[in-house]
């Protein structure tokens, strides 16, 4: 889950504001004890690019509405989106999506939103992905699209999480790294790791970030996570020789 900053006022090729579309829950599963993936059927959804996000709106019986922004987790698909939502204890939308929503229940969505933070298989540069916590969601959409499209572009995903129990998509990523040439996944833990980890737990460090010279062509870089993670990752990337113009960031604060 990540909050975006894109413009929700227009759809390419469609004049006027983006419409709100009815979305119905058709499948769901837990990613961690406090994060859930919800799969929504959305008639009229025009598909999206990996990395984009949507607005989600809930409306109570008395007419009160609450709205939040979430990254899309699945590869592009017309008529369907998947969102992985991290529970926020004092939130208005995430508790419903994580704990209450049942198959057949509906909400409204609007999107896709965001043109800068996205990846398509036409982009030929190697890709470096840095995720802090639930910031892995839009980056996972990129990984899934890379696999589905048959792209051979090198992908390196670095996931930072509190503990192994806080990592999203663990089983899927493990399977993909065994079957997908050119895909590398590194997991970093800030609070407590596994007994045989060579890296001591701690926040992202300079040595965790590969230099721009690690690939024959400098990579296209995507960073997503909390504000502090994004700021630190960007600083280390620049120190490692990555060009600022190649770094795309998406961040979220406590309210998301």
C-alpha atoms as a PDB file:
ATOM      1  CA  UNK A   1       0.000   0.000   0.000  1.00  0.00           C
ATOM      2  CA  UNK A   2       1.297   3.405  -0.874  1.00  0.00           C
ATOM      3  CA  UNK A   3      -0.174   6.835  -1.048  1.00  0.00           C
ATOM      4  CA  UNK A   4       0.367   8.598  -4.328  1.00  0.00           C
ATOM      5  CA  UNK A   5       0.498  12.160  -5.469  1.00  0.00           C
ATOM      6  CA  UNK A   6      -0.810  11.799  -9.000  1.00  0.00           C
ATOM      7  CA  UNK A   7      -3.514  13.831 -10.669  1.00  0.00           C
ATOM      8  CA  UNK A   8      -6.979  12.220 -10.518  1.00  0.00           C
ATOM      9  CA  UNK A   9      -8.643  14.768 -12.755  1.00  0.00           C
ATOM     10  CA  UNK A  10      -8.319  13.143 -16.160  1.00  0.00           C
ATOM     11  CA  UNK A  11      -7.854   9.855 -17.969  1.00  0.00           C
ATOM     12  CA  UNK A  12      -5.637   9.850 -21.071  1.00  0.00           C
ATOM     13  CA  UNK A  13      -7.874   9.910 -24.103  1.00  0.00           C
ATOM     14  CA  UNK A  14     -10.979  10.628 -22.022  1.00  0.00           C
ATOM     15  CA  UNK A  15     -12.074  14.234 -21.421  1.00  0.00           C
ATOM     16  CA  UNK A  16     -13.204  15.450 -18.018  1.00  0.00           C
ATOM     17  CA  UNK A  17     -12.690  14.103 -14.499  1.00  0.00           C
ATOM     18  CA  UNK A  18     -12.056  10.444 -13.791  1.00  0.00           C
ATOM     19  CA  UNK A  19     -15.303   8.679 -12.923  1.00  0.00           C
ATOM     20  CA  UNK A  20     -15.841   6.670  -9.774  1.00  0.00           C
ATOM     21  CA  UNK A  21     -16.394   3.000 -10.634  1.00  0.00           C
ATOM     22  CA  UNK A  22     -18.149   0.324  -8.594  1.00  0.00           C
ATOM     23  CA  UNK A  23     -15.734  -2.367  -7.388  1.00  0.00           C
ATOM     24  CA  UNK A  24     -16.806  -5.743  -5.986  1.00  0.00           C
ATOM     25  CA  UNK A  25     -14.633  -8.017  -3.856  1.00  0.00           C
ATOM     26  CA  UNK A  26     -14.151 -11.402  -5.561  1.00  0.00           C
ATOM     27  CA  UNK A  27     -11.099 -12.830  -3.771  1.00  0.00           C
ATOM     28  CA  UNK A  28      -8.798 -12.079  -0.843  1.00  0.00           C
ATOM     29  CA  UNK A  29      -5.969 -13.504   1.250  1.00  0.00           C
ATOM     30  CA  UNK A  30      -3.653 -12.434   4.055  1.00  0.00           C
ATOM     31  CA  UNK A  31      -0.091 -11.409   3.214  1.00  0.00           C
ATOM     32  CA  UNK A  32       0.882 -10.897   6.869  1.00  0.00           C
ATOM     33  CA  UNK A  33      -1.074 -10.811  10.122  1.00  0.00           C
ATOM     34  CA  UNK A  34      -2.031  -7.194   9.436  1.00  0.00           C
ATOM     35  CA  UNK A  35      -2.009  -6.926   5.630  1.00  0.00           C
ATOM     36  CA  UNK A  36      -4.534  -8.309   3.164  1.00  0.00           C
ATOM     37  CA  UNK A  37      -4.721  -8.504  -0.599  1.00  0.00           C
ATOM     38  CA  UNK A  38      -8.179  -7.804  -2.003  1.00  0.00           C
ATOM     39  CA  UNK A  39      -9.066  -8.585  -5.619  1.00  0.00           C
ATOM     40  CA  UNK A  40     -11.772  -6.361  -7.061  1.00  0.00           C
ATOM     41  CA  UNK A  41     -13.839  -6.745 -10.185  1.00  0.00           C
ATOM     42  CA  UNK A  42     -14.285  -3.252 -11.633  1.00  0.00           C
ATOM     43  CA  UNK A  43     -16.553  -3.033 -14.695  1.00  0.00           C
ATOM     44  CA  UNK A  44     -15.222  -0.268 -16.918  1.00  0.00           C
ATOM     45  CA  UNK A  45     -11.689  -0.377 -15.501  1.00  0.00           C
ATOM     46  CA  UNK A  46      -9.427   0.589 -18.439  1.00  0.00           C
ATOM     47  CA  UNK A  47      -6.364  -1.316 -17.150  1.00  0.00           C
ATOM     48  CA  UNK A  48      -3.267   0.414 -15.796  1.00  0.00           C
ATOM     49  CA  UNK A  49       0.524   0.426 -15.884  1.00  0.00           C
ATOM     50  CA  UNK A  50       2.548  -1.291 -13.177  1.00  0.00           C
ATOM     51  CA  UNK A  51       3.347   1.275 -10.501  1.00  0.00           C
ATOM     52  CA  UNK A  52       0.147   3.302 -10.760  1.00  0.00           C
ATOM     53  CA  UNK A  53      -2.377   3.741  -7.958  1.00  0.00           C
ATOM     54  CA  UNK A  54      -6.079   4.305  -7.342  1.00  0.00           C
ATOM     55  CA  UNK A  55      -8.346   6.239  -5.027  1.00  0.00           C
ATOM     56  CA  UNK A  56     -10.700   4.072  -2.955  1.00  0.00           C
ATOM     57  CA  UNK A  57     -13.900   5.565  -1.538  1.00  0.00           C
ATOM     58  CA  UNK A  58     -16.223   4.112   1.080  1.00  0.00           C
ATOM     59  CA  UNK A  59     -19.692   5.496   1.719  1.00  0.00           C
ATOM     60  CA  UNK A  60     -21.602   4.857   4.961  1.00  0.00           C
ATOM     61  CA  UNK A  61     -25.379   4.445   5.167  1.00  0.00           C
ATOM     62  CA  UNK A  62     -25.675   8.007   6.488  1.00  0.00           C
ATOM     63  CA  UNK A  63     -23.804   9.333   3.455  1.00  0.00           C
ATOM     64  CA  UNK A  64     -20.430   9.903   5.163  1.00  0.00           C
ATOM     65  CA  UNK A  65     -17.523   9.136   2.838  1.00  0.00           C
ATOM     66  CA  UNK A  66     -13.882   8.269   3.471  1.00  0.00           C
ATOM     67  CA  UNK A  67     -11.233   8.108   0.772  1.00  0.00           C
ATOM     68  CA  UNK A  68      -7.648   6.839   0.592  1.00  0.00           C
ATOM     69  CA  UNK A  69      -5.079   6.108  -2.118  1.00  0.00           C
ATOM     70  CA  UNK A  70      -3.580   2.647  -2.665  1.00  0.00           C
ATOM     71  CA  UNK A  71      -1.081   1.255  -5.137  1.00  0.00           C
ATOM     72  CA  UNK A  72      -2.268  -1.416  -7.546  1.00  0.00           C
ATOM     73  CA  UNK A  73      -0.542  -4.735  -6.848  1.00  0.00           C
ATOM     74  CA  UNK A  74      -1.369  -6.755  -9.948  1.00  0.00           C
ATOM     75  CA  UNK A  75       0.026  -6.586 -13.456  1.00  0.00           C
ATOM     76  CA  UNK A  76      -2.102  -4.573 -15.900  1.00  0.00           C
ATOM     77  CA  UNK A  77      -5.522  -6.109 -16.427  1.00  0.00           C
ATOM     78  CA  UNK A  78      -8.757  -4.631 -17.775  1.00  0.00           C
ATOM     79  CA  UNK A  79     -11.727  -4.923 -15.428  1.00  0.00           C
ATOM     80  CA  UNK A  80      -9.822  -6.111 -12.352  1.00  0.00           C
ATOM     81  CA  UNK A  81      -7.400  -4.735  -9.766  1.00  0.00           C
ATOM     82  CA  UNK A  82      -5.660  -6.166  -6.715  1.00  0.00           C
ATOM     83  CA  UNK A  83      -4.742  -4.016  -3.720  1.00  0.00           C
ATOM     84  CA  UNK A  84      -2.531  -5.073  -0.828  1.00  0.00           C
ATOM     85  CA  UNK A  85      -3.561  -3.008   2.185  1.00  0.00           C
ATOM     86  CA  UNK A  86      -1.638  -2.611   5.437  1.00  0.00           C
ATOM     87  CA  UNK A  87      -3.895  -2.116   8.449  1.00  0.00           C
ATOM     88  CA  UNK A  88      -3.630   1.356   9.999  1.00  0.00           C
ATOM     89  CA  UNK A  89      -5.125   1.212  13.483  1.00  0.00           C
ATOM     90  CA  UNK A  90      -6.711   4.654  13.475  1.00  0.00           C
ATOM     91  CA  UNK A  91      -7.528   4.658   9.756  1.00  0.00           C
ATOM     92  CA  UNK A  92     -10.966   4.983   8.219  1.00  0.00           C
ATOM     93  CA  UNK A  93     -10.483   2.854   5.096  1.00  0.00           C
ATOM     94  CA  UNK A  94      -7.819   0.233   5.814  1.00  0.00           C
ATOM     95  CA  UNK A  95      -9.684  -1.403   8.760  1.00  0.00           C
ATOM     96  CA  UNK A  96     -12.648  -2.062   6.485  1.00  0.00           C
ATOM     97  CA  UNK A  97     -10.533  -3.400   3.619  1.00  0.00           C
ATOM     98  CA  UNK A  98      -8.373  -5.588   5.866  1.00  0.00           C
ATOM     99  CA  UNK A  99     -10.804  -6.786   8.540  1.00  0.00           C
ATOM    100  CA  UNK A 100     -14.415  -6.307   7.417  1.00  0.00           C
ATOM    101  CA  UNK A 101     -14.949  -6.439   3.653  1.00  0.00           C
ATOM    102  CA  UNK A 102     -16.391  -9.764   2.479  1.00  0.00           C
ATOM    103  CA  UNK A 103     -16.813 -11.335  -0.990  1.00  0.00           C
ATOM    104  CA  UNK A 104     -19.601  -9.538  -2.800  1.00  0.00           C
ATOM    105  CA  UNK A 105     -19.170  -6.299  -0.849  1.00  0.00           C
ATOM    106  CA  UNK A 106     -18.586  -3.158  -2.891  1.00  0.00           C
ATOM    107  CA  UNK A 107     -16.639   0.083  -2.746  1.00  0.00           C
ATOM    108  CA  UNK A 108     -15.747   2.711  -5.345  1.00  0.00           C
ATOM    109  CA  UNK A 109     -12.431   3.236  -7.100  1.00  0.00           C
ATOM    110  CA  UNK A 110     -11.032   5.936  -9.354  1.00  0.00           C
ATOM    111  CA  UNK A 111      -7.961   5.711 -11.550  1.00  0.00           C
ATOM    112  CA  UNK A 112      -5.456   4.789 -12.762  1.00  0.00           C
ATOM    113  CA  UNK A 113      -3.410   7.650 -11.334  1.00  0.00           C
ATOM    114  CA  UNK A 114       0.253   8.508 -11.872  1.00  0.00           C
ATOM    115  CA  UNK A 115       2.417   8.795 -14.956  1.00  0.00           C
ATOM    116  CA  UNK A 116       5.960   9.128 -13.572  1.00  0.00           C
ATOM    117  CA  UNK A 117       6.173   6.155 -11.231  1.00  0.00           C
ATOM    118  CA  UNK A 118       5.393   3.333 -13.643  1.00  0.00           C
ATOM    119  CA  UNK A 119       7.114   0.589 -15.626  1.00  0.00           C
ATOM    120  CA  UNK A 120       6.246  -1.088 -18.920  1.00  0.00           C
ATOM    121  CA  UNK A 121       8.072  -3.812 -20.808  1.00  0.00           C
ATOM    122  CA  UNK A 122       9.023  -1.295 -23.512  1.00  0.00           C
ATOM    123  CA  UNK A 123      11.527   0.242 -21.064  1.00  0.00           C
ATOM    124  CA  UNK A 124      14.839  -1.429 -21.866  1.00  0.00           C
ATOM    125  CA  UNK A 125      17.135  -0.348 -18.999  1.00  0.00           C
ATOM    126  CA  UNK A 126      17.921  -2.631 -16.062  1.00  0.00           C
ATOM    127  CA  UNK A 127      15.642  -1.960 -13.086  1.00  0.00           C
ATOM    128  CA  UNK A 128      16.549  -1.455  -9.419  1.00  0.00           C
ATOM    129  CA  UNK A 129      13.640  -1.510  -6.959  1.00  0.00           C
ATOM    130  CA  UNK A 130      13.930  -0.400  -3.309  1.00  0.00           C
ATOM    131  CA  UNK A 131      10.954  -1.019  -1.031  1.00  0.00           C
ATOM    132  CA  UNK A 132      10.361  -0.006   2.553  1.00  0.00           C
ATOM    133  CA  UNK A 133       7.612  -2.039   4.208  1.00  0.00           C
ATOM    134  CA  UNK A 134       4.331  -1.845   2.327  1.00  0.00           C
ATOM    135  CA  UNK A 135       6.098   0.230  -0.322  1.00  0.00           C
ATOM    136  CA  UNK A 136       6.788  -3.068  -2.055  1.00  0.00           C
ATOM    137  CA  UNK A 137       3.237  -3.132  -3.470  1.00  0.00           C
ATOM    138  CA  UNK A 138       3.710  -1.069  -6.667  1.00  0.00           C
ATOM    139  CA  UNK A 139       7.148  -2.609  -7.155  1.00  0.00           C
ATOM    140  CA  UNK A 140       5.589  -6.083  -7.001  1.00  0.00           C
ATOM    141  CA  UNK A 141       3.234  -5.031  -9.776  1.00  0.00           C
ATOM    142  CA  UNK A 142       6.330  -4.244 -11.845  1.00  0.00           C
ATOM    143  CA  UNK A 143       7.873  -7.629 -11.049  1.00  0.00           C
ATOM    144  CA  UNK A 144       4.638  -9.385 -12.004  1.00  0.00           C
ATOM    145  CA  UNK A 145       4.396  -7.466 -15.266  1.00  0.00           C
ATOM    146  CA  UNK A 146       8.019  -8.232 -16.076  1.00  0.00           C
ATOM    147  CA  UNK A 147       7.300 -11.956 -15.593  1.00  0.00           C
ATOM    148  CA  UNK A 148       3.999 -11.921 -17.485  1.00  0.00           C
ATOM    149  CA  UNK A 149       5.387  -9.996 -20.456  1.00  0.00           C
ATOM    150  CA  UNK A 150       8.400 -12.288 -20.845  1.00  0.00           C
ATOM    151  CA  UNK A 151      10.778  -9.338 -20.562  1.00  0.00           C
ATOM    152  CA  UNK A 152      14.427 -10.237 -19.977  1.00  0.00           C
ATOM    153  CA  UNK A 153      15.362  -6.866 -18.465  1.00  0.00           C
ATOM    154  CA  UNK A 154      17.420  -7.461 -15.275  1.00  0.00           C
ATOM    155  CA  UNK A 155      15.391  -6.718 -12.132  1.00  0.00           C
ATOM    156  CA  UNK A 156      16.874  -6.315  -8.637  1.00  0.00           C
ATOM    157  CA  UNK A 157      14.351  -5.900  -5.801  1.00  0.00           C
ATOM    158  CA  UNK A 158      15.558  -4.890  -2.328  1.00  0.00           C
ATOM    159  CA  UNK A 159      12.882  -5.220   0.375  1.00  0.00           C
ATOM    160  CA  UNK A 160      13.345  -3.667   3.807  1.00  0.00           C
ATOM    161  CA  UNK A 161      10.972  -4.892   6.534  1.00  0.00           C
ATOM    162  CA  UNK A 162      10.908  -5.076  10.316  1.00  0.00           C
ATOM    163  CA  UNK A 163      11.127  -8.884  10.506  1.00  0.00           C
ATOM    164  CA  UNK A 164      10.564 -11.837   8.138  1.00  0.00           C
ATOM    165  CA  UNK A 165       6.938 -11.925   9.331  1.00  0.00           C
ATOM    166  CA  UNK A 166       6.415  -8.422   7.915  1.00  0.00           C
ATOM    167  CA  UNK A 167       7.516  -9.226   4.334  1.00  0.00           C
ATOM    168  CA  UNK A 168       4.764  -9.206   1.701  1.00  0.00           C
ATOM    169  CA  UNK A 169       4.602 -11.823  -1.086  1.00  0.00           C
ATOM    170  CA  UNK A 170       7.239 -14.063   0.522  1.00  0.00           C
ATOM    171  CA  UNK A 171       6.246 -17.349  -1.127  1.00  0.00           C
ATOM    172  CA  UNK A 172       5.623 -15.818  -4.547  1.00  0.00           C
ATOM    173  CA  UNK A 173       8.944 -13.997  -4.587  1.00  0.00           C
ATOM    174  CA  UNK A 174      10.791 -17.132  -3.451  1.00  0.00           C
ATOM    175  CA  UNK A 175       9.232 -19.116  -6.294  1.00  0.00           C
ATOM    176  CA  UNK A 176       9.895 -16.409  -8.877  1.00  0.00           C
ATOM    177  CA  UNK A 177      13.578 -16.118  -8.018  1.00  0.00           C
ATOM    178  CA  UNK A 178      13.949 -19.847  -8.653  1.00  0.00           C
ATOM    179  CA  UNK A 179      12.181 -19.806 -12.013  1.00  0.00           C
ATOM    180  CA  UNK A 180      12.824 -16.335 -13.471  1.00  0.00           C
ATOM    181  CA  UNK A 181      16.277 -15.610 -14.943  1.00  0.00           C
ATOM    182  CA  UNK A 182      17.447 -12.075 -14.324  1.00  0.00           C
ATOM    183  CA  UNK A 183      15.321 -11.508 -11.209  1.00  0.00           C
ATOM    184  CA  UNK A 184      17.157 -10.961  -7.914  1.00  0.00           C
ATOM    185  CA  UNK A 185      15.464 -10.351  -4.565  1.00  0.00           C
ATOM    186  CA  UNK A 186      17.273  -9.248  -1.379  1.00  0.00           C
ATOM    187  CA  UNK A 187      15.525  -8.943   1.991  1.00  0.00           C
ATOM    188  CA  UNK A 188      16.785  -6.612   4.721  1.00  0.00           C
ATOM    189  CA  UNK A 189      15.412  -6.626   8.263  1.00  0.00           C
ATOM    190  CA  UNK A 190      15.419  -3.609  10.557  1.00  0.00           C
ATOM    191  CA  UNK A 191      14.347  -5.227  13.859  1.00  0.00           C
ATOM    192  CA  UNK A 192      15.131  -8.936  13.734  1.00  0.00           C
ATOM    193  CA  UNK A 193      16.146 -11.331  10.974  1.00  0.00           C
ATOM    194  CA  UNK A 194      16.829 -15.029  10.517  1.00  0.00           C
ATOM    195  CA  UNK A 195      19.492 -16.924  12.490  1.00  0.00           C
ATOM    196  CA  UNK A 196      21.742 -17.454   9.471  1.00  0.00           C
ATOM    197  CA  UNK A 197      21.517 -13.889   8.099  1.00  0.00           C
ATOM    198  CA  UNK A 198      24.948 -12.454   7.281  1.00  0.00           C
ATOM    199  CA  UNK A 199      23.602  -8.906   7.648  1.00  0.00           C
ATOM    200  CA  UNK A 200      22.852  -7.609  11.130  1.00  0.00           C
ATOM    201  CA  UNK A 201      19.373  -6.073  11.524  1.00  0.00           C
ATOM    202  CA  UNK A 202      19.195  -2.357  10.956  1.00  0.00           C
ATOM    203  CA  UNK A 203      17.903   0.322   8.640  1.00  0.00           C
ATOM    204  CA  UNK A 204      19.007   0.658   5.033  1.00  0.00           C
ATOM    205  CA  UNK A 205      22.769   1.234   4.780  1.00  0.00           C
ATOM    206  CA  UNK A 206      25.002   2.557   2.040  1.00  0.00           C
ATOM    207  CA  UNK A 207      26.459  -0.896   1.421  1.00  0.00           C
ATOM    208  CA  UNK A 208      22.958  -2.333   0.890  1.00  0.00           C
ATOM    209  CA  UNK A 209      22.547  -0.247  -2.269  1.00  0.00           C
ATOM    210  CA  UNK A 210      24.326  -1.459  -5.419  1.00  0.00           C
ATOM    211  CA  UNK A 211      26.347   1.157  -7.311  1.00  0.00           C
ATOM    212  CA  UNK A 212      25.220   2.439 -10.669  1.00  0.00           C
ATOM    213  CA  UNK A 213      28.121   0.537 -12.195  1.00  0.00           C
ATOM    214  CA  UNK A 214      26.709  -2.821 -11.019  1.00  0.00           C
ATOM    215  CA  UNK A 215      24.962  -3.177 -14.392  1.00  0.00           C
ATOM    216  CA  UNK A 216      26.434  -2.514 -17.857  1.00  0.00           C
ATOM    217  CA  UNK A 217      23.854   0.247 -18.310  1.00  0.00           C
ATOM    218  CA  UNK A 218      22.863   2.351 -15.280  1.00  0.00           C
ATOM    219  CA  UNK A 219      19.461   1.159 -14.062  1.00  0.00           C
ATOM    220  CA  UNK A 220      16.111   2.835 -13.902  1.00  0.00           C
ATOM    221  CA  UNK A 221      15.439   3.119 -10.151  1.00  0.00           C
ATOM    222  CA  UNK A 222      12.141   3.025  -8.265  1.00  0.00           C
ATOM    223  CA  UNK A 223      11.932   3.726  -4.534  1.00  0.00           C
ATOM    224  CA  UNK A 224       8.731   3.382  -2.500  1.00  0.00           C
ATOM    225  CA  UNK A 225       8.121   3.481   1.238  1.00  0.00           C
ATOM    226  CA  UNK A 226       7.725   5.799   4.224  1.00  0.00           C
ATOM    227  CA  UNK A 227       9.165   9.285   3.987  1.00  0.00           C
ATOM    228  CA  UNK A 228      12.272   8.470   6.008  1.00  0.00           C
ATOM    229  CA  UNK A 229      13.067   5.366   3.977  1.00  0.00           C
ATOM    230  CA  UNK A 230      12.701   7.201   0.677  1.00  0.00           C
ATOM    231  CA  UNK A 231      14.927  10.057   1.809  1.00  0.00           C
ATOM    232  CA  UNK A 232      17.630   7.680   3.054  1.00  0.00           C
ATOM    233  CA  UNK A 233      17.472   5.454  -0.016  1.00  0.00           C
ATOM    234  CA  UNK A 234      17.715   8.446  -2.339  1.00  0.00           C
ATOM    235  CA  UNK A 235      20.760   9.761  -0.466  1.00  0.00           C
ATOM    236  CA  UNK A 236      22.530   6.402  -0.691  1.00  0.00           C
ATOM    237  CA  UNK A 237      21.632   6.039  -4.373  1.00  0.00           C
ATOM    238  CA  UNK A 238      23.202   9.394  -5.187  1.00  0.00           C
ATOM    239  CA  UNK A 239      26.326   8.497  -3.198  1.00  0.00           C
ATOM    240  CA  UNK A 240      26.492   5.243  -5.171  1.00  0.00           C
ATOM    241  CA  UNK A 241      26.627   7.169  -8.429  1.00  0.00           C
ATOM    242  CA  UNK A 242      23.040   6.919  -9.610  1.00  0.00           C
ATOM    243  CA  UNK A 243      21.824   9.882 -11.616  1.00  0.00           C
ATOM    244  CA  UNK A 244      19.023  11.830  -9.961  1.00  0.00           C
ATOM    245  CA  UNK A 245      17.077  11.783 -13.230  1.00  0.00           C
ATOM    246  CA  UNK A 246      16.943   7.977 -13.140  1.00  0.00           C
ATOM    247  CA  UNK A 247      15.434   7.833  -9.634  1.00  0.00           C
ATOM    248  CA  UNK A 248      11.646   7.755  -9.287  1.00  0.00           C
ATOM    249  CA  UNK A 249      10.137   7.923  -5.820  1.00  0.00           C
ATOM    250  CA  UNK A 250       6.750   7.290  -4.248  1.00  0.00           C
ATOM    251  CA  UNK A 251       6.286   7.951  -0.556  1.00  0.00           C
ATOM    252  CA  UNK A 252       3.655   7.840   2.139  1.00  0.00           C
ATOM    253  CA  UNK A 253       3.324   9.344   5.592  1.00  0.00           C
ATOM    254  CA  UNK A 254       1.571   8.297   8.797  1.00  0.00           C
ATOM    255  CA  UNK A 255      -1.884   9.300   7.540  1.00  0.00           C
ATOM    256  CA  UNK A 256      -1.804   6.687   4.792  1.00  0.00           C
END
